[in-house]
mmCIF file of all heavy atoms, coordinates in Angstrom:
data_MODEL
# 
_entry.id   MODEL 
# 
loop_
_atom_site.group_PDB 
_atom_site.id 
_atom_site.type_symbol 
_atom_site.label_atom_id 
_atom_site.label_alt_id 
_atom_site.label_comp_id 
_atom_site.label_asym_id 
_atom_site.label_entity_id 
_atom_site.label_seq_id 
_atom_site.pdbx_PDB_ins_code 
_atom_site.Cartn_x 
_atom_site.Cartn_y 
_atom_site.Cartn_z 
_atom_site.occupancy 
_atom_site.B_iso_or_equiv 
_atom_site.pdbx_formal_charge 
_atom_site.auth_seq_id 
_atom_site.auth_comp_id 
_atom_site.auth_asym_id 
_atom_site.auth_atom_id 
_atom_site.pdbx_PDB_model_num 
ATOM 1   N N   . ILE A 1 1  ? 67.236 -7.545  -28.521 1.00 0.00 ? 1  ILE A N   1 
ATOM 2   C CA  . ILE A 1 1  ? 68.583 -7.111  -28.919 1.00 0.00 ? 1  ILE A CA  1 
ATOM 3   C C   . ILE A 1 1  ? 69.081 -8.010  -29.990 1.00 0.00 ? 1  ILE A C   1 
ATOM 4   O O   . ILE A 1 1  ? 68.750 -9.149  -30.096 1.00 0.00 ? 1  ILE A O   1 
ATOM 5   C CB  . ILE A 1 1  ? 69.589 -7.084  -27.749 1.00 0.00 ? 1  ILE A CB  1 
ATOM 6   C CG1 . ILE A 1 1  ? 69.593 -8.443  -26.986 1.00 0.00 ? 1  ILE A CG1 1 
ATOM 7   C CG2 . ILE A 1 1  ? 69.172 -5.986  -26.749 1.00 0.00 ? 1  ILE A CG2 1 
ATOM 8   C CD1 . ILE A 1 1  ? 70.689 -8.525  -25.932 1.00 0.00 ? 1  ILE A CD1 1 
ATOM 9   N N   . ALA A 1 2  ? 69.966 -7.406  -30.863 1.00 0.00 ? 2  ALA A N   1 
ATOM 10  C CA  . ALA A 1 2  ? 70.625 -8.173  -31.847 1.00 0.00 ? 2  ALA A CA  1 
ATOM 11  C C   . ALA A 1 2  ? 72.084 -8.297  -31.444 1.00 0.00 ? 2  ALA A C   1 
ATOM 12  O O   . ALA A 1 2  ? 72.753 -7.274  -31.165 1.00 0.00 ? 2  ALA A O   1 
ATOM 13  C CB  . ALA A 1 2  ? 70.649 -7.365  -33.201 1.00 0.00 ? 2  ALA A CB  1 
ATOM 14  N N   . GLU A 1 3  ? 72.552 -9.503  -31.388 1.00 0.00 ? 3  GLU A N   1 
ATOM 15  C CA  . GLU A 1 3  ? 73.873 -9.787  -30.886 1.00 0.00 ? 3  GLU A CA  1 
ATOM 16  C C   . GLU A 1 3  ? 74.717 -10.483 -31.948 1.00 0.00 ? 3  GLU A C   1 
ATOM 17  O O   . GLU A 1 3  ? 74.253 -11.490 -32.529 1.00 0.00 ? 3  GLU A O   1 
ATOM 18  C CB  . GLU A 1 3  ? 73.717 -10.728 -29.623 1.00 0.00 ? 3  GLU A CB  1 
ATOM 19  C CG  . GLU A 1 3  ? 74.692 -10.589 -28.551 1.00 0.00 ? 3  GLU A CG  1 
ATOM 20  C CD  . GLU A 1 3  ? 74.312 -11.341 -27.338 1.00 0.00 ? 3  GLU A CD  1 
ATOM 21  O OE1 . GLU A 1 3  ? 73.646 -12.415 -27.490 1.00 0.00 ? 3  GLU A OE1 1 
ATOM 22  O OE2 . GLU A 1 3  ? 74.718 -10.981 -26.279 1.00 0.00 ? 3  GLU A OE2 1 
ATOM 23  N N   . THR A 1 4  ? 75.891 -9.995  -32.203 1.00 0.00 ? 4  THR A N   1 
ATOM 24  C CA  . THR A 1 4  ? 76.834 -10.640 -33.069 1.00 0.00 ? 4  THR A CA  1 
ATOM 25  C C   . THR A 1 4  ? 78.248 -10.280 -32.673 1.00 0.00 ? 4  THR A C   1 
ATOM 26  O O   . THR A 1 4  ? 78.449 -9.269  -32.013 1.00 0.00 ? 4  THR A O   1 
ATOM 27  C CB  . THR A 1 4  ? 76.543 -10.214 -34.558 1.00 0.00 ? 4  THR A CB  1 
ATOM 28  O OG1 . THR A 1 4  ? 77.294 -11.067 -35.428 1.00 0.00 ? 4  THR A OG1 1 
ATOM 29  C CG2 . THR A 1 4  ? 76.936 -8.789  -34.828 1.00 0.00 ? 4  THR A CG2 1 
ATOM 30  N N   . GLU A 1 5  ? 79.176 -11.144 -32.985 1.00 0.00 ? 5  GLU A N   1 
ATOM 31  C CA  . GLU A 1 5  ? 80.582 -10.913 -32.679 1.00 0.00 ? 5  GLU A CA  1 
ATOM 32  C C   . GLU A 1 5  ? 80.691 -10.577 -31.130 1.00 0.00 ? 5  GLU A C   1 
ATOM 33  O O   . GLU A 1 5  ? 81.513 -9.744  -30.779 1.00 0.00 ? 5  GLU A O   1 
ATOM 34  C CB  . GLU A 1 5  ? 81.153 -9.809  -33.492 1.00 0.00 ? 5  GLU A CB  1 
ATOM 35  C CG  . GLU A 1 5  ? 81.131 -10.087 -34.995 1.00 0.00 ? 5  GLU A CG  1 
ATOM 36  C CD  . GLU A 1 5  ? 81.539 -8.982  -35.887 1.00 0.00 ? 5  GLU A CD  1 
ATOM 37  O OE1 . GLU A 1 5  ? 81.984 -7.920  -35.366 1.00 0.00 ? 5  GLU A OE1 1 
ATOM 38  O OE2 . GLU A 1 5  ? 81.438 -9.116  -37.105 1.00 0.00 ? 5  GLU A OE2 1 
ATOM 39  N N   . ASN A 1 6  ? 79.929 -11.287 -30.313 1.00 0.00 ? 6  ASN A N   1 
ATOM 40  C CA  . ASN A 1 6  ? 79.928 -11.154 -28.873 1.00 0.00 ? 6  ASN A CA  1 
ATOM 41  C C   . ASN A 1 6  ? 79.622 -9.672  -28.423 1.00 0.00 ? 6  ASN A C   1 
ATOM 42  O O   . ASN A 1 6  ? 80.126 -9.289  -27.319 1.00 0.00 ? 6  ASN A O   1 
ATOM 43  C CB  . ASN A 1 6  ? 81.314 -11.577 -28.280 1.00 0.00 ? 6  ASN A CB  1 
ATOM 44  C CG  . ASN A 1 6  ? 81.498 -13.060 -28.458 1.00 0.00 ? 6  ASN A CG  1 
ATOM 45  O OD1 . ASN A 1 6  ? 80.574 -13.857 -28.331 1.00 0.00 ? 6  ASN A OD1 1 
ATOM 46  N ND2 . ASN A 1 6  ? 82.735 -13.504 -28.778 1.00 0.00 ? 6  ASN A ND2 1 
ATOM 47  N N   . GLN A 1 7  ? 78.802 -8.960  -29.189 1.00 0.00 ? 7  GLN A N   1 
ATOM 48  C CA  . GLN A 1 7  ? 78.427 -7.662  -28.723 1.00 0.00 ? 7  GLN A CA  1 
ATOM 49  C C   . GLN A 1 7  ? 76.988 -7.377  -29.173 1.00 0.00 ? 7  GLN A C   1 
ATOM 50  O O   . GLN A 1 7  ? 76.533 -7.952  -30.160 1.00 0.00 ? 7  GLN A O   1 
ATOM 51  C CB  . GLN A 1 7  ? 79.387 -6.538  -29.182 1.00 0.00 ? 7  GLN A CB  1 
ATOM 52  C CG  . GLN A 1 7  ? 79.327 -6.410  -30.708 1.00 0.00 ? 7  GLN A CG  1 
ATOM 53  C CD  . GLN A 1 7  ? 80.151 -5.160  -31.143 1.00 0.00 ? 7  GLN A CD  1 
ATOM 54  O OE1 . GLN A 1 7  ? 80.336 -4.200  -30.368 1.00 0.00 ? 7  GLN A OE1 1 
ATOM 55  N NE2 . GLN A 1 7  ? 80.683 -5.191  -32.346 1.00 0.00 ? 7  GLN A NE2 1 
ATOM 56  N N   . ILE A 1 8  ? 76.325 -6.466  -28.495 1.00 0.00 ? 8  ILE A N   1 
ATOM 57  C CA  . ILE A 1 8  ? 74.995 -6.051  -28.898 1.00 0.00 ? 8  ILE A CA  1 
ATOM 58  C C   . ILE A 1 8  ? 75.211 -4.980  -29.970 1.00 0.00 ? 8  ILE A C   1 
ATOM 59  O O   . ILE A 1 8  ? 75.880 -3.988  -29.697 1.00 0.00 ? 8  ILE A O   1 
ATOM 60  C CB  . ILE A 1 8  ? 74.216 -5.481  -27.678 1.00 0.00 ? 8  ILE A CB  1 
ATOM 61  C CG1 . ILE A 1 8  ? 74.031 -6.564  -26.623 1.00 0.00 ? 8  ILE A CG1 1 
ATOM 62  C CG2 . ILE A 1 8  ? 72.893 -4.978  -28.163 1.00 0.00 ? 8  ILE A CG2 1 
ATOM 63  C CD1 . ILE A 1 8  ? 73.393 -6.087  -25.378 1.00 0.00 ? 8  ILE A CD1 1 
ATOM 64  N N   . VAL A 1 9  ? 74.655 -5.192  -31.164 1.00 0.00 ? 9  VAL A N   1 
ATOM 65  C CA  . VAL A 1 9  ? 74.822 -4.280  -32.233 1.00 0.00 ? 9  VAL A CA  1 
ATOM 66  C C   . VAL A 1 9  ? 73.577 -3.562  -32.602 1.00 0.00 ? 9  VAL A C   1 
ATOM 67  O O   . VAL A 1 9  ? 73.579 -2.678  -33.499 1.00 0.00 ? 9  VAL A O   1 
ATOM 68  C CB  . VAL A 1 9  ? 75.430 -5.023  -33.464 1.00 0.00 ? 9  VAL A CB  1 
ATOM 69  C CG1 . VAL A 1 9  ? 76.781 -5.650  -33.107 1.00 0.00 ? 9  VAL A CG1 1 
ATOM 70  C CG2 . VAL A 1 9  ? 74.482 -6.104  -33.980 1.00 0.00 ? 9  VAL A CG2 1 
ATOM 71  N N   . GLY A 1 10 ? 72.430 -3.924  -32.053 1.00 0.00 ? 10 GLY A N   1 
ATOM 72  C CA  . GLY A 1 10 ? 71.192 -3.259  -32.358 1.00 0.00 ? 10 GLY A CA  1 
ATOM 73  C C   . GLY A 1 10 ? 70.127 -3.691  -31.327 1.00 0.00 ? 10 GLY A C   1 
ATOM 74  O O   . GLY A 1 10 ? 70.267 -4.618  -30.548 1.00 0.00 ? 10 GLY A O   1 
ATOM 75  N N   . TYR A 1 11 ? 69.003 -2.873  -31.371 1.00 0.00 ? 11 TYR A N   1 
ATOM 76  C CA  . TYR A 1 11 ? 67.961 -3.189  -30.445 1.00 0.00 ? 11 TYR A CA  1 
ATOM 77  C C   . TYR A 1 11 ? 66.594 -2.665  -31.065 1.00 0.00 ? 11 TYR A C   1 
ATOM 78  O O   . TYR A 1 11 ? 66.601 -1.852  -31.980 1.00 0.00 ? 11 TYR A O   1 
ATOM 79  C CB  . TYR A 1 11 ? 68.138 -2.573  -29.065 1.00 0.00 ? 11 TYR A CB  1 
ATOM 80  C CG  . TYR A 1 11 ? 67.823 -1.109  -29.033 1.00 0.00 ? 11 TYR A CG  1 
ATOM 81  C CD1 . TYR A 1 11 ? 66.561 -0.661  -28.503 1.00 0.00 ? 11 TYR A CD1 1 
ATOM 82  C CD2 . TYR A 1 11 ? 68.699 -0.097  -29.438 1.00 0.00 ? 11 TYR A CD2 1 
ATOM 83  C CE1 . TYR A 1 11 ? 66.255 0.716   -28.402 1.00 0.00 ? 11 TYR A CE1 1 
ATOM 84  C CE2 . TYR A 1 11 ? 68.402 1.220   -29.327 1.00 0.00 ? 11 TYR A CE2 1 
ATOM 85  C CZ  . TYR A 1 11 ? 67.160 1.657   -28.815 1.00 0.00 ? 11 TYR A CZ  1 
ATOM 86  O OH  . TYR A 1 11 ? 66.867 2.936   -28.796 1.00 0.00 ? 11 TYR A OH  1 
ATOM 87  N N   . LEU A 1 12 ? 65.569 -3.159  -30.524 1.00 0.00 ? 12 LEU A N   1 
ATOM 88  C CA  . LEU A 1 12 ? 64.235 -2.699  -30.819 1.00 0.00 ? 12 LEU A CA  1 
ATOM 89  C C   . LEU A 1 12 ? 63.426 -2.762  -29.570 1.00 0.00 ? 12 LEU A C   1 
ATOM 90  O O   . LEU A 1 12 ? 63.375 -3.828  -28.861 1.00 0.00 ? 12 LEU A O   1 
ATOM 91  C CB  . LEU A 1 12 ? 63.565 -3.587  -31.879 1.00 0.00 ? 12 LEU A CB  1 
ATOM 92  C CG  . LEU A 1 12 ? 62.162 -3.121  -32.405 1.00 0.00 ? 12 LEU A CG  1 
ATOM 93  C CD1 . LEU A 1 12 ? 61.978 -3.522  -33.819 1.00 0.00 ? 12 LEU A CD1 1 
ATOM 94  C CD2 . LEU A 1 12 ? 61.073 -3.628  -31.497 1.00 0.00 ? 12 LEU A CD2 1 
ATOM 95  N N   . SER A 1 13 ? 62.796 -1.621  -29.172 1.00 0.00 ? 13 SER A N   1 
ATOM 96  C CA  . SER A 1 13 ? 62.011 -1.611  -27.903 1.00 0.00 ? 13 SER A CA  1 
ATOM 97  C C   . SER A 1 13 ? 60.510 -1.399  -28.292 1.00 0.00 ? 13 SER A C   1 
ATOM 98  O O   . SER A 1 13 ? 60.245 -0.621  -29.264 1.00 0.00 ? 13 SER A O   1 
ATOM 99  C CB  . SER A 1 13 ? 62.485 -0.605  -26.916 1.00 0.00 ? 13 SER A CB  1 
ATOM 100 O OG  . SER A 1 13 ? 62.222 0.683   -27.308 1.00 0.00 ? 13 SER A OG  1 
ATOM 101 N N   . LEU A 1 14 ? 59.636 -1.994  -27.566 1.00 0.00 ? 14 LEU A N   1 
ATOM 102 C CA  . LEU A 1 14 ? 58.202 -1.820  -27.687 1.00 0.00 ? 14 LEU A CA  1 
ATOM 103 C C   . LEU A 1 14 ? 57.669 -1.455  -26.319 1.00 0.00 ? 14 LEU A C   1 
ATOM 104 O O   . LEU A 1 14 ? 57.934 -2.190  -25.369 1.00 0.00 ? 14 LEU A O   1 
ATOM 105 C CB  . LEU A 1 14 ? 57.573 -3.107  -28.145 1.00 0.00 ? 14 LEU A CB  1 
ATOM 106 C CG  . LEU A 1 14 ? 57.903 -3.638  -29.502 1.00 0.00 ? 14 LEU A CG  1 
ATOM 107 C CD1 . LEU A 1 14 ? 57.418 -5.049  -29.700 1.00 0.00 ? 14 LEU A CD1 1 
ATOM 108 C CD2 . LEU A 1 14 ? 57.470 -2.752  -30.653 1.00 0.00 ? 14 LEU A CD2 1 
ATOM 109 N N   . GLU A 1 15 ? 57.048 -0.324  -26.249 1.00 0.00 ? 15 GLU A N   1 
ATOM 110 C CA  . GLU A 1 15 ? 56.471 0.068   -24.956 1.00 0.00 ? 15 GLU A CA  1 
ATOM 111 C C   . GLU A 1 15 ? 54.974 0.222   -25.137 1.00 0.00 ? 15 GLU A C   1 
ATOM 112 O O   . GLU A 1 15 ? 54.453 0.980   -25.955 1.00 0.00 ? 15 GLU A O   1 
ATOM 113 C CB  . GLU A 1 15 ? 57.067 1.386   -24.442 1.00 0.00 ? 15 GLU A CB  1 
ATOM 114 C CG  . GLU A 1 15 ? 56.550 1.709   -23.043 1.00 0.00 ? 15 GLU A CG  1 
ATOM 115 C CD  . GLU A 1 15 ? 57.305 2.918   -22.423 1.00 0.00 ? 15 GLU A CD  1 
ATOM 116 O OE1 . GLU A 1 15 ? 58.342 3.258   -22.942 1.00 0.00 ? 15 GLU A OE1 1 
ATOM 117 O OE2 . GLU A 1 15 ? 56.802 3.345   -21.386 1.00 0.00 ? 15 GLU A OE2 1 
ATOM 118 N N   . ARG A 1 16 ? 54.255 -0.556  -24.323 1.00 0.00 ? 16 ARG A N   1 
ATOM 119 C CA  . ARG A 1 16 ? 52.782 -0.650  -24.393 1.00 0.00 ? 16 ARG A CA  1 
ATOM 120 C C   . ARG A 1 16 ? 52.170 0.599   -23.828 1.00 0.00 ? 16 ARG A C   1 
ATOM 121 O O   . ARG A 1 16 ? 52.666 1.214   -22.876 1.00 0.00 ? 16 ARG A O   1 
ATOM 122 C CB  . ARG A 1 16 ? 52.355 -1.872  -23.577 1.00 0.00 ? 16 ARG A CB  1 
ATOM 123 C CG  . ARG A 1 16 ? 50.940 -2.178  -23.706 1.00 0.00 ? 16 ARG A CG  1 
ATOM 124 C CD  . ARG A 1 16 ? 50.633 -3.506  -23.031 1.00 0.00 ? 16 ARG A CD  1 
ATOM 125 N NE  . ARG A 1 16 ? 49.697 -4.240  -23.831 1.00 0.00 ? 16 ARG A NE  1 
ATOM 126 C CZ  . ARG A 1 16 ? 49.609 -5.504  -23.962 1.00 0.00 ? 16 ARG A CZ  1 
ATOM 127 N NH1 . ARG A 1 16 ? 50.422 -6.317  -23.190 1.00 0.00 ? 16 ARG A NH1 1 
ATOM 128 N NH2 . ARG A 1 16 ? 48.742 -6.060  -24.708 1.00 0.00 ? 16 ARG A NH2 1 
ATOM 129 N N   . GLY A 1 17 ? 51.007 0.990   -24.417 1.00 0.00 ? 17 GLY A N   1 
ATOM 130 C CA  . GLY A 1 17 ? 50.262 2.158   -23.862 1.00 0.00 ? 17 GLY A CA  1 
ATOM 131 C C   . GLY A 1 17 ? 49.916 1.837   -22.450 1.00 0.00 ? 17 GLY A C   1 
ATOM 132 O O   . GLY A 1 17 ? 49.471 0.793   -22.009 1.00 0.00 ? 17 GLY A O   1 
ATOM 133 N N   . ALA A 1 18 ? 50.108 2.845   -21.586 1.00 0.00 ? 18 ALA A N   1 
ATOM 134 C CA  . ALA A 1 18 ? 49.922 2.638   -20.109 1.00 0.00 ? 18 ALA A CA  1 
ATOM 135 C C   . ALA A 1 18 ? 48.509 2.626   -19.620 1.00 0.00 ? 18 ALA A C   1 
ATOM 136 O O   . ALA A 1 18 ? 48.217 2.040   -18.578 1.00 0.00 ? 18 ALA A O   1 
ATOM 137 C CB  . ALA A 1 18 ? 50.725 3.789   -19.394 1.00 0.00 ? 18 ALA A CB  1 
ATOM 138 N N   . PHE A 1 19 ? 47.603 3.190   -20.368 1.00 0.00 ? 19 PHE A N   1 
ATOM 139 C CA  . PHE A 1 19 ? 46.222 3.326   -19.912 1.00 0.00 ? 19 PHE A CA  1 
ATOM 140 C C   . PHE A 1 19 ? 45.379 2.332   -20.704 1.00 0.00 ? 19 PHE A C   1 
ATOM 141 O O   . PHE A 1 19 ? 45.609 1.925   -21.825 1.00 0.00 ? 19 PHE A O   1 
ATOM 142 C CB  . PHE A 1 19 ? 45.716 4.738   -20.099 1.00 0.00 ? 19 PHE A CB  1 
ATOM 143 C CG  . PHE A 1 19 ? 46.644 5.745   -19.400 1.00 0.00 ? 19 PHE A CG  1 
ATOM 144 C CD1 . PHE A 1 19 ? 47.558 6.552   -20.083 1.00 0.00 ? 19 PHE A CD1 1 
ATOM 145 C CD2 . PHE A 1 19 ? 46.602 5.825   -18.021 1.00 0.00 ? 19 PHE A CD2 1 
ATOM 146 C CE1 . PHE A 1 19 ? 48.348 7.360   -19.423 1.00 0.00 ? 19 PHE A CE1 1 
ATOM 147 C CE2 . PHE A 1 19 ? 47.452 6.701   -17.329 1.00 0.00 ? 19 PHE A CE2 1 
ATOM 148 C CZ  . PHE A 1 19 ? 48.329 7.486   -18.045 1.00 0.00 ? 19 PHE A CZ  1 
ATOM 149 N N   . ARG A 1 20 ? 44.262 1.942   -20.095 1.00 0.00 ? 20 ARG A N   1 
ATOM 150 C CA  . ARG A 1 20 ? 43.358 0.941   -20.653 1.00 0.00 ? 20 ARG A CA  1 
ATOM 151 C C   . ARG A 1 20 ? 42.989 1.222   -22.122 1.00 0.00 ? 20 ARG A C   1 
ATOM 152 O O   . ARG A 1 20 ? 42.913 0.340   -22.935 1.00 0.00 ? 20 ARG A O   1 
ATOM 153 C CB  . ARG A 1 20 ? 42.103 0.748   -19.809 1.00 0.00 ? 20 ARG A CB  1 
ATOM 154 C CG  . ARG A 1 20 ? 42.345 -0.272  -18.688 1.00 0.00 ? 20 ARG A CG  1 
ATOM 155 C CD  . ARG A 1 20 ? 41.134 -0.448  -17.818 1.00 0.00 ? 20 ARG A CD  1 
ATOM 156 N NE  . ARG A 1 20 ? 41.393 0.450   -16.699 1.00 0.00 ? 20 ARG A NE  1 
ATOM 157 C CZ  . ARG A 1 20 ? 40.534 0.772   -15.755 1.00 0.00 ? 20 ARG A CZ  1 
ATOM 158 N NH1 . ARG A 1 20 ? 39.261 0.374   -15.876 1.00 0.00 ? 20 ARG A NH1 1 
ATOM 159 N NH2 . ARG A 1 20 ? 40.900 1.556   -14.779 1.00 0.00 ? 20 ARG A NH2 1 
ATOM 160 N N   . ARG A 1 21 ? 42.645 2.494   -22.390 1.00 0.00 ? 21 ARG A N   1 
ATOM 161 C CA  . ARG A 1 21 ? 42.224 2.839   -23.687 1.00 0.00 ? 21 ARG A CA  1 
ATOM 162 C C   . ARG A 1 21 ? 43.272 2.741   -24.818 1.00 0.00 ? 21 ARG A C   1 
ATOM 163 O O   . ARG A 1 21 ? 42.939 2.705   -26.008 1.00 0.00 ? 21 ARG A O   1 
ATOM 164 C CB  . ARG A 1 21 ? 41.542 4.258   -23.712 1.00 0.00 ? 21 ARG A CB  1 
ATOM 165 C CG  . ARG A 1 21 ? 40.308 4.296   -22.917 1.00 0.00 ? 21 ARG A CG  1 
ATOM 166 C CD  . ARG A 1 21 ? 39.672 5.610   -22.975 1.00 0.00 ? 21 ARG A CD  1 
ATOM 167 N NE  . ARG A 1 21 ? 38.373 5.600   -22.248 1.00 0.00 ? 21 ARG A NE  1 
ATOM 168 C CZ  . ARG A 1 21 ? 37.618 6.635   -22.089 1.00 0.00 ? 21 ARG A CZ  1 
ATOM 169 N NH1 . ARG A 1 21 ? 37.974 7.803   -22.572 1.00 0.00 ? 21 ARG A NH1 1 
ATOM 170 N NH2 . ARG A 1 21 ? 36.510 6.458   -21.392 1.00 0.00 ? 21 ARG A NH2 1 
ATOM 171 N N   . ILE A 1 22 ? 44.492 2.673   -24.418 1.00 0.00 ? 22 ILE A N   1 
ATOM 172 C CA  . ILE A 1 22 ? 45.592 2.538   -25.411 1.00 0.00 ? 22 ILE A CA  1 
ATOM 173 C C   . ILE A 1 22 ? 46.490 1.326   -25.119 1.00 0.00 ? 22 ILE A C   1 
ATOM 174 O O   . ILE A 1 22 ? 47.627 1.200   -25.623 1.00 0.00 ? 22 ILE A O   1 
ATOM 175 C CB  . ILE A 1 22 ? 46.450 3.841   -25.527 1.00 0.00 ? 22 ILE A CB  1 
ATOM 176 C CG1 . ILE A 1 22 ? 47.019 4.218   -24.172 1.00 0.00 ? 22 ILE A CG1 1 
ATOM 177 C CG2 . ILE A 1 22 ? 45.581 4.960   -26.142 1.00 0.00 ? 22 ILE A CG2 1 
ATOM 178 C CD1 . ILE A 1 22 ? 48.095 5.355   -24.242 1.00 0.00 ? 22 ILE A CD1 1 
ATOM 179 N N   . HIS A 1 23 ? 46.029 0.440   -24.260 1.00 0.00 ? 23 HIS A N   1 
ATOM 180 C CA  . HIS A 1 23 ? 46.826 -0.734  -23.843 1.00 0.00 ? 23 HIS A CA  1 
ATOM 181 C C   . HIS A 1 23 ? 47.006 -1.695  -25.030 1.00 0.00 ? 23 HIS A C   1 
ATOM 182 O O   . HIS A 1 23 ? 47.903 -2.582  -24.968 1.00 0.00 ? 23 HIS A O   1 
ATOM 183 C CB  . HIS A 1 23 ? 46.206 -1.441  -22.677 1.00 0.00 ? 23 HIS A CB  1 
ATOM 184 C CG  . HIS A 1 23 ? 47.108 -2.337  -21.942 1.00 0.00 ? 23 HIS A CG  1 
ATOM 185 N ND1 . HIS A 1 23 ? 48.224 -1.926  -21.246 1.00 0.00 ? 23 HIS A ND1 1 
ATOM 186 C CD2 . HIS A 1 23 ? 47.079 -3.687  -21.737 1.00 0.00 ? 23 HIS A CD2 1 
ATOM 187 C CE1 . HIS A 1 23 ? 48.833 -2.915  -20.746 1.00 0.00 ? 23 HIS A CE1 1 
ATOM 188 N NE2 . HIS A 1 23 ? 48.195 -4.046  -20.961 1.00 0.00 ? 23 HIS A NE2 1 
ATOM 189 N N   . HIS A 1 24 ? 46.258 -1.541  -26.086 1.00 0.00 ? 24 HIS A N   1 
ATOM 190 C CA  . HIS A 1 24 ? 46.390 -2.421  -27.293 1.00 0.00 ? 24 HIS A CA  1 
ATOM 191 C C   . HIS A 1 24 ? 47.452 -1.842  -28.229 1.00 0.00 ? 24 HIS A C   1 
ATOM 192 O O   . HIS A 1 24 ? 47.625 -2.452  -29.311 1.00 0.00 ? 24 HIS A O   1 
ATOM 193 C CB  . HIS A 1 24 ? 45.069 -2.545  -27.991 1.00 0.00 ? 24 HIS A CB  1 
ATOM 194 C CG  . HIS A 1 24 ? 44.585 -1.183  -28.540 1.00 0.00 ? 24 HIS A CG  1 
ATOM 195 N ND1 . HIS A 1 24 ? 44.098 -0.185  -27.734 1.00 0.00 ? 24 HIS A ND1 1 
ATOM 196 C CD2 . HIS A 1 24 ? 44.593 -0.736  -29.767 1.00 0.00 ? 24 HIS A CD2 1 
ATOM 197 C CE1 . HIS A 1 24 ? 43.782 0.852   -28.523 1.00 0.00 ? 24 HIS A CE1 1 
ATOM 198 N NE2 . HIS A 1 24 ? 44.057 0.567   -29.753 1.00 0.00 ? 24 HIS A NE2 1 
ATOM 199 N N   . THR A 1 25 ? 48.142 -0.776  -27.894 1.00 0.00 ? 25 THR A N   1 
ATOM 200 C CA  . THR A 1 25 ? 49.174 -0.186  -28.770 1.00 0.00 ? 25 THR A CA  1 
ATOM 201 C C   . THR A 1 25 ? 50.543 -0.315  -28.138 1.00 0.00 ? 25 THR A C   1 
ATOM 202 O O   . THR A 1 25 ? 50.699 -0.400  -26.919 1.00 0.00 ? 25 THR A O   1 
ATOM 203 C CB  . THR A 1 25 ? 48.855 1.317   -28.997 1.00 0.00 ? 25 THR A CB  1 
ATOM 204 O OG1 . THR A 1 25 ? 49.066 2.067   -27.821 1.00 0.00 ? 25 THR A OG1 1 
ATOM 205 C CG2 . THR A 1 25 ? 47.434 1.581   -29.526 1.00 0.00 ? 25 THR A CG2 1 
# 
């Protein structure tokens, strides 16, 4: 999260591949 002026103003999420063959993504 990006926080400024005592509020969250942005975010970035990363979700890993759930299965072994794509766990590197």
